[in-house]
Amino acid sequence: MRELGLAGKIVALVGTALLLTASSTVVDSRASHDAEAEAGTPGPTGSAAPGRVDAGAARLAITPRDGAADVRPDLGVVVNVADGTLGDVVVSSSKESSVPGALSPDRTSWRTRWTLTPGRSYVVRATATGRNGGTATASSTFTTLRASQTIAVSDVTPSPDEAVGIGMPIVVNFDREVRNKDRVERALEVRTARPVQGAWRWLTDQQLIFRTRTYWRPRQQVTFIAHLAGVRAAKDVYGAQDHTVRFRIGDSNVSRVDVKNHRMTVTRNGKRVRSVGISAGRGGSWMFTTTNGVHAVMRKASPVVMTSEWMGVTDPADPRYYKLTVYEAVQISSSGEYVHSAPWSVWAQGSVNVSHGCVNASPEFARWFYDISQSGDVVTVTGTDRELAWDNGYGFWQMPWNQWLRGGALGRPVTTTPTQTRSIAPRSASHRPPPS
């Protein structure tokens, strides 16, 4: 009887050990599930038994995790799924009903298209379908950090709703230096009616220029959006908000100034409309020579006072001194060249060059040209030995395209976003375009 009792005790002890082992597996499985839930990665629905995962059930993972605080806004949101494909992914905040994002071709990953806004709470909701046909859901609520230092767009040219010419650049200025230029470049978007190739080039740490590879197509709307909110432009410096400017490409005005033959020809929307005699720079010195190359109109004003101060002559007794008030003045370079009314040189227009470098025209033609001119209209000058510098005014067309590309942080062209797709909505920003 004692031997039987001992055997019974042994069986009882083995049974107890097996029971404890089984209990430990269930606890570990539940703990793992709880850890996933805390990280915004809930387990799949439809489990066959406690602590077990159905074969082929979708497993969702959201970054940032649920409850995360002080999240870097430039890291965005990433949603991944294993053993399934993503369905709906919605990221929202109190200011945005739906943050734009992109789904991978295999539908296993989704990420936000742009950076997030600093100091804002976000909610992520995602669904997926597993290989077993079941549906999984997950959510995450988190808050981005508040930026201690911010950067903003201080100015954009063209101005909102301005009508400009086909050679117009987009000039963007920031209120502080940009160190992470590649990140800022990626945040810039240009929308047009039809896709066109262009590229950004940095002139300084606070200014960059967008130039199309060829001239803009006339009579279309262009929208520039700096998706700057949350972009890490420098160490501990984040964009505070987006910035949007909408402008129009107007009529195609292309002028050709032939200095040798003293003629100016204007083509408007592909048709030659005027050809007149002019008088350009008299030469003899570089300072009196009209610059050769592709110019673009910068601005126009009437009247404009022109003096010899630009060449260091301020004494009225100096024979080189001059001070003139001119009218219908259309500026084509930052070195002081204009197409303007010059009644005093009508006798020379069409036969001899007598100006200090400007293009002199008759009052009648100058008034007509002034009325049709827009910033960005193309004025090409030929026949002189003084080449327009690429950074003189809007002389950006003087630089070869491959060289222009090397001035961008990304070193490659970008293609504008077709306006009609409306795939990416701008966030709240200054200069928000009016309803169409």
Protein backbone atom coordinates (compact mmCIF):
# COMPACT_ATOMS: atom_id res chain seq x y z
CA MET A 1 0.00 0.00 0.00
CA ARG A 2 2.91 2.38 0.75
CA GLU A 3 4.37 1.75 -2.73
CA LEU A 4 1.01 2.57 -4.35
CA GLY A 5 0.71 5.73 -2.24
CA LEU A 6 4.16 6.88 -3.35
CA ALA A 7 3.30 6.29 -7.01
CA GLY A 8 0.12 8.31 -6.57
CA LYS A 9 2.04 11.20 -5.11
CA ILE A 10 4.46 11.17 -8.04
CA VAL A 11 1.58 11.26 -10.55
CA ALA A 12 -0.02 14.12 -8.63
CA LEU A 13 3.20 16.16 -8.64
CA VAL A 14 3.69 15.68 -12.40
CA GLY A 15 0.11 16.75 -13.06
CA THR A 16 0.55 19.89 -10.99
CA ALA A 17 3.72 20.82 -12.90
CA LEU A 18 1.96 20.42 -16.25
CA LEU A 19 -0.91 22.60 -15.08
CA LEU A 20 1.45 25.34 -13.95
CA THR A 21 3.29 25.24 -17.28
CA ALA A 22 0.04 25.63 -19.21
CA SER A 23 -1.05 28.58 -17.02
CA SER A 24 2.28 30.38 -17.65
CA THR A 25 1.82 30.19 -21.49
CA VAL A 26 -1.60 31.80 -21.32
CA VAL A 27 -0.33 34.65 -19.13
CA ASP A 28 2.63 35.32 -21.43
CA SER A 29 0.34 35.48 -24.45
CA ARG A 30 -1.96 37.95 -22.75
CA ALA A 31 0.96 40.08 -21.63
CA SER A 32 2.27 40.19 -25.19
CA HIS A 33 -1.18 41.24 -26.43
CA ASP A 34 -1.36 44.01 -23.82
CA ALA A 35 2.08 45.31 -24.84
CA GLU A 36 0.98 45.43 -28.47
CA ALA A 37 -2.16 47.34 -27.52
CA GLU A 38 -0.15 49.90 -25.53
CA ALA A 39 2.07 50.45 -28.58
CA GLY A 40 -0.91 51.01 -30.83
CA THR A 41 -0.52 47.48 -32.24
CA PRO A 42 -3.54 45.46 -31.22
CA GLY A 43 -3.69 41.76 -31.97
CA PRO A 44 -5.98 40.37 -34.65
CA THR A 45 -9.67 39.84 -34.17
CA GLY A 46 -11.31 36.42 -34.32
CA SER A 47 -8.79 34.44 -32.24
CA ALA A 48 -9.59 30.75 -32.05
CA ALA A 49 -8.72 30.43 -28.37
CA PRO A 50 -7.41 32.65 -25.56
CA GLY A 51 -3.74 33.46 -26.06
CA ARG A 52 -3.66 32.12 -29.59
CA VAL A 53 -3.62 33.93 -32.98
CA ASP A 54 -5.61 32.69 -35.94
CA ALA A 55 -3.41 31.65 -38.83
CA GLY A 56 -3.70 34.29 -41.54
CA ALA A 57 -5.18 37.00 -39.28
CA ALA A 58 -4.04 40.57 -40.07
CA ARG A 59 -1.73 42.25 -37.55
CA LEU A 60 -1.69 46.05 -37.59
CA ALA A 61 1.09 48.30 -36.29
CA ILE A 62 0.80 52.09 -35.94
CA THR A 63 3.67 54.51 -35.34
CA PRO A 64 3.57 56.69 -33.21
CA ARG A 65 2.17 54.37 -30.54
CA ASP A 66 -1.04 55.09 -28.69
CA GLY A 67 -0.54 57.63 -25.90
CA ALA A 68 2.80 58.93 -27.20
CA ALA A 69 3.65 62.55 -26.36
CA ASP A 70 6.21 65.04 -27.69
CA VAL A 71 6.43 63.15 -30.97
CA ARG A 72 8.69 64.70 -33.59
CA PRO A 73 6.31 66.09 -36.23
CA ASP A 74 8.76 65.49 -39.08
CA LEU A 75 8.56 61.70 -38.60
CA GLY A 76 4.90 61.57 -39.61
CA VAL A 77 2.60 58.55 -39.24
CA VAL A 78 3.33 55.02 -40.51
CA VAL A 79 0.83 52.17 -40.54
CA ASN A 80 1.98 48.63 -41.41
CA VAL A 81 0.12 45.33 -41.66
CA ALA A 82 1.42 41.77 -41.59
CA ASP A 83 -0.52 38.82 -43.02
CA GLY A 84 -3.01 41.07 -44.74
CA THR A 85 -3.73 44.25 -46.71
CA LEU A 86 -4.69 47.69 -45.50
CA GLY A 87 -8.20 49.05 -45.97
CA ASP A 88 -9.00 52.51 -44.62
CA VAL A 89 -6.42 54.67 -42.86
CA VAL A 90 -7.64 57.99 -41.44
CA VAL A 91 -5.41 60.45 -39.60
CA SER A 92 -7.19 63.47 -38.17
CA SER A 93 -6.81 66.32 -35.71
CA SER A 94 -8.95 69.13 -34.38
CA LYS A 95 -7.89 71.25 -37.41
CA GLU A 96 -7.74 68.57 -40.11
CA SER A 97 -10.46 66.06 -40.87
CA SER A 98 -8.12 63.95 -42.98
CA VAL A 99 -4.35 64.19 -43.21
CA PRO A 100 -3.15 63.15 -46.71
CA GLY A 101 -1.05 60.03 -47.09
CA ALA A 102 0.12 57.41 -49.57
CA LEU A 103 -0.51 53.66 -49.69
CA SER A 104 2.25 51.31 -50.88
CA PRO A 105 1.56 49.38 -54.11
CA ASP A 106 1.18 46.10 -52.19
CA ARG A 107 -1.22 47.75 -49.69
CA THR A 108 0.85 46.69 -46.68
CA SER A 109 2.13 50.13 -45.66
CA TRP A 110 0.73 53.67 -45.44
CA ARG A 111 2.48 56.88 -44.48
CA THR A 112 1.59 60.55 -44.28
CA ARG A 113 2.51 62.58 -47.38
CA TRP A 114 3.72 65.62 -45.45
CA THR A 115 5.02 66.33 -41.96
CA LEU A 116 2.66 66.92 -39.03
CA THR A 117 1.92 70.20 -37.28
CA PRO A 118 3.84 70.82 -34.03
CA GLY A 119 1.90 70.94 -30.74
CA ARG A 120 -1.18 69.13 -32.03
CA SER A 121 -3.08 65.99 -31.03
CA TYR A 122 -3.76 63.38 -33.70
CA VAL A 123 -5.97 60.31 -33.94
CA VAL A 124 -5.15 57.40 -36.26
CA ARG A 125 -7.71 54.75 -37.21
CA ALA A 126 -6.84 51.86 -39.51
CA THR A 127 -8.50 48.70 -40.81
CA ALA A 128 -7.03 45.68 -42.58
CA THR A 129 -8.18 42.39 -44.07
CA GLY A 130 -6.24 39.27 -43.14
CA ARG A 131 -5.36 36.31 -45.32
CA ASN A 132 -8.10 34.44 -43.48
CA GLY A 133 -10.68 37.01 -44.62
CA GLY A 134 -11.12 38.50 -41.16
CA THR A 135 -11.06 42.23 -40.41
CA ALA A 136 -8.66 43.87 -37.98
CA THR A 137 -8.87 47.40 -36.59
CA ALA A 138 -6.42 49.56 -34.68
CA SER A 139 -6.17 53.10 -33.41
CA SER A 140 -3.63 55.43 -31.86
CA THR A 141 -3.88 58.85 -30.25
CA PHE A 142 -0.72 60.91 -29.79
CA THR A 143 0.56 64.49 -29.51
CA THR A 144 3.39 66.16 -31.39
CA LEU A 145 5.96 68.27 -29.59
CA ARG A 146 5.68 72.03 -29.36
CA ALA A 147 8.47 73.70 -31.32
CA SER A 148 10.78 75.86 -29.23
CA GLN A 149 12.01 77.60 -32.41
CA THR A 150 10.05 78.05 -35.61
CA ILE A 151 10.62 79.01 -39.21
CA ALA A 152 8.12 80.53 -41.63
CA VAL A 153 7.84 81.74 -45.21
CA SER A 154 8.33 85.51 -45.06
CA ASP A 155 7.56 86.33 -48.69
CA VAL A 156 6.63 84.74 -52.01
CA THR A 157 6.84 86.26 -55.49
CA PRO A 158 4.48 86.38 -57.43
CA SER A 159 1.90 87.91 -55.12
CA PRO A 160 -1.48 86.27 -54.50
CA ASP A 161 -3.77 86.49 -57.56
CA GLU A 162 -1.13 88.31 -59.62
CA ALA A 163 -1.10 87.74 -63.38
CA VAL A 164 2.45 87.11 -64.62
CA GLY A 165 4.32 86.23 -67.80
CA ILE A 166 5.51 82.88 -69.10
CA GLY A 167 9.10 83.44 -67.91
CA MET A 168 8.17 84.15 -64.27
CA PRO A 169 10.13 82.39 -61.50
CA ILE A 170 8.72 81.58 -58.06
CA VAL A 171 10.87 83.28 -55.41
CA VAL A 172 10.51 82.02 -51.83
CA ASN A 173 12.04 83.74 -48.79
CA PHE A 174 12.22 82.40 -45.23
CA ASP A 175 12.47 84.34 -41.99
CA ARG A 176 15.58 82.48 -40.83
CA GLU A 177 18.37 80.35 -42.29
CA VAL A 178 17.58 76.86 -43.56
CA ARG A 179 20.13 74.17 -42.72
CA ASN A 180 18.23 71.06 -43.82
CA LYS A 181 17.62 72.29 -47.34
CA ASP A 182 16.69 68.87 -48.71
CA ARG A 183 13.85 68.51 -46.20
CA VAL A 184 12.50 71.94 -47.01
CA GLU A 185 12.70 71.29 -50.74
CA ARG A 186 10.70 68.07 -50.37
CA ALA A 187 7.97 70.06 -48.62
CA LEU A 188 7.45 72.44 -51.56
CA GLU A 189 4.72 71.73 -54.09
CA VAL A 190 3.71 73.52 -57.30
CA ARG A 191 0.33 72.74 -58.87
CA THR A 192 -0.56 73.46 -62.48
CA ALA A 193 -3.36 72.52 -64.85
CA ARG A 194 -0.97 70.21 -66.68
CA PRO A 195 2.26 68.67 -65.32
CA VAL A 196 5.43 70.60 -66.17
CA GLN A 197 9.04 70.00 -65.21
CA GLY A 198 10.90 72.50 -63.07
CA ALA A 199 13.55 72.68 -60.36
CA TRP A 200 14.48 74.59 -57.22
CA ARG A 201 17.78 76.43 -56.76
CA TRP A 202 19.05 78.02 -53.55
CA LEU A 203 20.44 81.55 -53.89
CA THR A 204 21.11 81.96 -50.16
CA ASP A 205 20.33 80.06 -46.96
CA GLN A 206 17.05 81.97 -46.81
CA GLN A 207 16.00 82.20 -50.45
CA LEU A 208 15.34 79.73 -53.25
CA ILE A 209 13.95 79.98 -56.77
CA PHE A 210 11.70 77.69 -58.81
CA ARG A 211 12.22 77.81 -62.56
CA THR A 212 10.45 75.71 -65.14
CA ARG A 213 12.58 73.91 -67.73
CA THR A 214 10.70 75.67 -70.52
CA TYR A 215 8.36 78.65 -70.33
CA TRP A 216 5.03 78.30 -68.54
CA ARG A 217 1.99 77.50 -70.64
CA PRO A 218 0.00 80.78 -70.82
CA ARG A 219 -3.46 81.40 -69.37
CA GLN A 220 -3.45 78.94 -66.50
CA GLN A 221 -3.59 78.99 -62.73
CA VAL A 222 -0.55 78.04 -60.61
CA THR A 223 -0.64 77.24 -56.91
CA PHE A 224 2.45 77.17 -54.73
CA ILE A 225 2.22 75.35 -51.39
CA ALA A 226 4.99 75.20 -48.80
CA HIS A 227 3.98 72.22 -46.62
CA LEU A 228 6.27 73.67 -43.99
CA ALA A 229 4.40 72.78 -40.77
CA GLY A 230 6.51 70.25 -38.90
CA VAL A 231 9.49 70.32 -41.27
CA ARG A 232 12.77 70.22 -39.35
CA ALA A 233 14.59 73.03 -41.13
CA ALA A 234 17.50 73.14 -38.68
CA LYS A 235 18.38 71.69 -35.29
CA ASP A 236 15.34 72.15 -33.02
CA VAL A 237 13.74 74.45 -35.62
CA TYR A 238 10.38 73.40 -37.10
CA GLY A 239 7.99 74.96 -39.55
CA ALA A 240 5.01 76.43 -37.71
CA GLN A 241 2.46 76.45 -40.54
CA ASP A 242 1.99 75.89 -44.24
CA HIS A 243 1.96 78.74 -46.75
CA THR A 244 -0.11 78.87 -49.94
CA VAL A 245 -0.08 81.37 -52.80
CA ARG A 246 -2.18 81.14 -55.94
CA PHE A 247 -1.34 83.21 -59.04
CA ARG A 248 -2.06 83.20 -62.78
CA ILE A 249 0.05 82.89 -65.89
CA GLY A 250 -1.42 85.51 -68.21
CA ASP A 251 -0.89 86.15 -71.90
CA SER A 252 2.34 85.10 -73.58
CA ASN A 253 4.29 88.30 -74.26
CA VAL A 254 7.70 87.66 -75.83
CA SER A 255 9.82 90.56 -77.07
CA ARG A 256 13.05 90.57 -79.03
CA VAL A 257 15.37 93.57 -78.98
CA ASP A 258 17.85 93.56 -81.87
CA VAL A 259 20.46 96.08 -80.78
CA LYS A 260 22.47 95.96 -84.02
CA ASN A 261 19.43 96.66 -86.18
CA HIS A 262 17.75 99.00 -83.65
CA ARG A 263 14.45 97.08 -83.68
CA MET A 264 12.11 95.68 -81.05
CA THR A 265 9.56 93.05 -82.04
CA VAL A 266 6.71 91.92 -79.78
CA THR A 267 4.95 88.58 -80.14
CA ARG A 268 1.72 88.15 -78.21
CA ASN A 269 0.18 84.69 -77.75
CA GLY A 270 2.21 83.42 -80.69
CA LYS A 271 1.34 86.28 -83.07
CA ARG A 272 3.67 89.12 -84.03
CA VAL A 273 1.84 92.31 -83.10
CA ARG A 274 4.42 95.15 -83.13
CA SER A 275 7.83 95.89 -84.62
CA VAL A 276 9.31 99.34 -83.95
CA GLY A 277 12.54 101.24 -84.05
CA ILE A 278 14.37 101.63 -80.71
CA SER A 279 17.63 103.04 -79.42
CA ALA A 280 19.66 100.86 -77.02
CA GLY A 281 22.85 101.45 -75.04
CA ARG A 282 25.44 103.49 -76.88
CA GLY A 283 28.31 101.18 -75.81
CA GLY A 284 31.93 102.28 -75.67
CA SER A 285 31.99 100.98 -72.09
CA TRP A 286 30.35 98.01 -70.41
CA MET A 287 28.27 100.37 -68.26
CA PHE A 288 26.61 101.88 -71.32
CA THR A 289 26.05 98.53 -73.07
CA THR A 290 22.64 96.87 -72.93
CA THR A 291 23.00 93.35 -71.52
CA ASN A 292 22.67 90.51 -74.00
CA GLY A 293 20.46 87.47 -73.30
CA VAL A 294 17.09 86.36 -71.97
CA HIS A 295 15.59 88.88 -69.55
CA ALA A 296 12.24 88.75 -67.78
CA VAL A 297 10.23 91.76 -66.71
CA MET A 298 10.69 92.48 -63.00
CA ARG A 299 8.25 95.34 -62.47
CA LYS A 300 6.92 98.51 -64.07
CA ALA A 301 6.40 102.04 -62.81
CA SER A 302 5.59 105.50 -64.09
CA PRO A 303 7.33 107.78 -63.42
CA VAL A 304 10.83 106.56 -62.51
CA VAL A 305 13.70 108.91 -61.66
CA MET A 306 16.99 107.75 -63.17
CA THR A 307 20.32 109.17 -62.07
CA SER A 308 24.03 108.54 -62.61
CA GLU A 309 24.48 107.61 -58.95
CA TRP A 310 24.66 103.90 -59.88
CA MET A 311 28.06 104.55 -61.50
CA GLY A 312 29.29 106.74 -58.67
CA VAL A 313 28.61 110.09 -60.32
CA THR A 314 26.65 112.46 -58.06
CA ASP A 315 28.20 115.86 -58.88
CA PRO A 316 26.03 117.86 -61.32
CA ALA A 317 29.21 119.50 -62.59
CA ASP A 318 30.53 116.16 -63.80
CA PRO A 319 29.89 115.82 -67.57
CA ARG A 320 28.75 112.22 -66.95
CA TYR A 321 26.08 113.33 -64.48
CA TYR A 322 22.42 112.92 -65.35
CA LYS A 323 19.04 112.93 -63.64
CA LEU A 324 16.03 112.05 -65.75
CA THR A 325 12.35 111.44 -65.00
CA VAL A 326 11.05 108.79 -67.37
CA TYR A 327 7.56 107.45 -67.94
CA GLU A 328 6.09 104.06 -68.86
CA ALA A 329 9.22 102.33 -67.53
CA VAL A 330 9.31 98.51 -67.66
CA GLN A 331 12.29 97.11 -65.74
CA ILE A 332 14.10 94.09 -67.22
CA SER A 333 17.19 93.79 -64.98
CA SER A 334 18.33 94.67 -61.48
CA SER A 335 21.25 96.60 -62.97
CA GLY A 336 18.84 99.36 -64.01
CA GLU A 337 17.78 98.51 -67.54
CA TYR A 338 14.28 99.51 -68.63
CA VAL A 339 12.19 99.69 -71.75
CA HIS A 340 10.78 103.20 -71.39
CA SER A 341 9.41 106.26 -73.15
CA ALA A 342 12.16 108.49 -74.50
CA PRO A 343 10.75 111.40 -76.54
CA TRP A 344 14.18 113.05 -76.56
CA SER A 345 15.70 110.23 -78.63
CA VAL A 346 12.92 109.61 -81.17
CA TRP A 347 15.30 110.98 -83.82
CA ALA A 348 17.72 108.09 -83.09
CA GLN A 349 15.23 105.29 -82.67
CA GLY A 350 15.60 102.82 -85.51
CA SER A 351 18.98 104.14 -86.64
CA VAL A 352 21.51 104.64 -83.82
CA ASN A 353 22.03 103.60 -80.19
CA VAL A 354 22.39 106.57 -77.83
CA SER A 355 21.10 105.52 -74.37
CA HIS A 356 22.95 104.75 -71.13
CA GLY A 357 21.87 101.10 -71.49
CA CYS A 358 18.08 101.22 -71.46
CA VAL A 359 15.87 100.52 -74.45
CA ASN A 360 14.50 103.89 -75.60
CA ALA A 361 11.11 103.82 -77.35
CA SER A 362 8.61 106.35 -78.66
CA PRO A 363 5.98 107.59 -76.20
CA GLU A 364 3.21 105.87 -78.17
CA PHE A 365 4.90 102.46 -78.24
CA ALA A 366 6.16 102.75 -74.66
CA ARG A 367 2.62 103.43 -73.43
CA TRP A 368 1.27 100.40 -75.32
CA PHE A 369 4.09 98.14 -74.12
CA TYR A 370 3.68 99.35 -70.53
CA ASP A 371 -0.04 98.54 -70.56
CA ILE A 372 0.43 94.93 -71.71
CA SER A 373 3.54 94.14 -69.63
CA GLN A 374 3.46 91.69 -66.74
CA SER A 375 6.22 90.58 -64.39
CA GLY A 376 7.82 87.56 -66.00
CA ASP A 377 7.27 88.61 -69.62
CA VAL A 378 10.26 87.52 -71.71
CA VAL A 379 12.50 90.16 -73.32
CA THR A 380 15.46 88.73 -75.24
CA VAL A 381 18.24 91.12 -76.21
CA THR A 382 20.69 90.26 -79.00
CA GLY A 383 23.63 91.95 -80.64
CA THR A 384 25.84 93.14 -77.74
CA ASP A 385 29.02 91.85 -76.09
CA ARG A 386 27.87 92.31 -72.49
CA GLU A 387 26.16 89.11 -71.33
CA LEU A 388 23.36 89.26 -68.79
CA ALA A 389 24.43 87.49 -65.58
CA TRP A 390 22.06 84.66 -64.58
CA ASP A 391 21.46 86.28 -61.17
CA ASN A 392 20.84 89.77 -62.57
CA GLY A 393 17.13 90.34 -62.01
CA TYR A 394 15.15 87.41 -63.37
CA GLY A 395 17.97 86.35 -65.68
CA PHE A 396 17.65 82.74 -64.51
CA TRP A 397 16.99 81.62 -68.09
CA GLN A 398 20.63 82.44 -68.82
CA MET A 399 21.79 79.40 -66.86
CA PRO A 400 21.81 76.02 -68.68
CA TRP A 401 19.26 73.57 -67.28
CA ASN A 402 21.79 70.96 -66.08
CA GLN A 403 23.69 73.63 -64.21
CA TRP A 404 20.48 74.97 -62.70
CA LEU A 405 19.71 71.52 -61.28
CA ARG A 406 22.99 71.43 -59.39
CA GLY A 407 21.90 74.41 -57.30
CA GLY A 408 19.13 72.48 -55.57
CA ALA A 409 19.62 70.39 -52.45
CA LEU A 410 18.04 67.38 -54.17
CA GLY A 411 19.87 67.98 -57.45
CA ARG A 412 17.02 66.78 -59.60
CA PRO A 413 13.94 68.14 -61.40
CA VAL A 414 10.43 67.97 -59.99
CA THR A 415 7.15 67.65 -61.83
CA THR A 416 4.24 69.89 -60.88
CA THR A 417 1.08 68.31 -59.47
CA PRO A 418 -1.91 68.39 -61.83
CA THR A 419 -4.48 70.71 -60.25
CA GLN A 420 -7.50 68.66 -61.24
CA THR A 421 -6.45 65.65 -59.13
CA ARG A 422 -6.91 67.55 -55.85
CA SER A 423 -5.22 64.57 -54.20
CA ILE A 424 -3.41 66.55 -51.52
CA ALA A 425 -5.25 69.26 -49.63
CA PRO A 426 -3.24 72.12 -48.08
CA ARG A 427 -3.49 72.63 -44.36
CA SER A 428 -4.49 75.92 -42.76
CA ALA A 429 -2.06 78.59 -43.89
CA SER A 430 -1.59 82.23 -44.71
CA HIS A 431 -2.54 83.30 -48.21
CA ARG A 432 -5.10 80.51 -48.47
CA PRO A 433 -6.51 80.59 -52.01
CA PRO A 434 -10.11 81.72 -52.35
CA PRO A 435 -12.79 79.18 -53.25
CA SER A 436 -12.87 78.36 -56.95
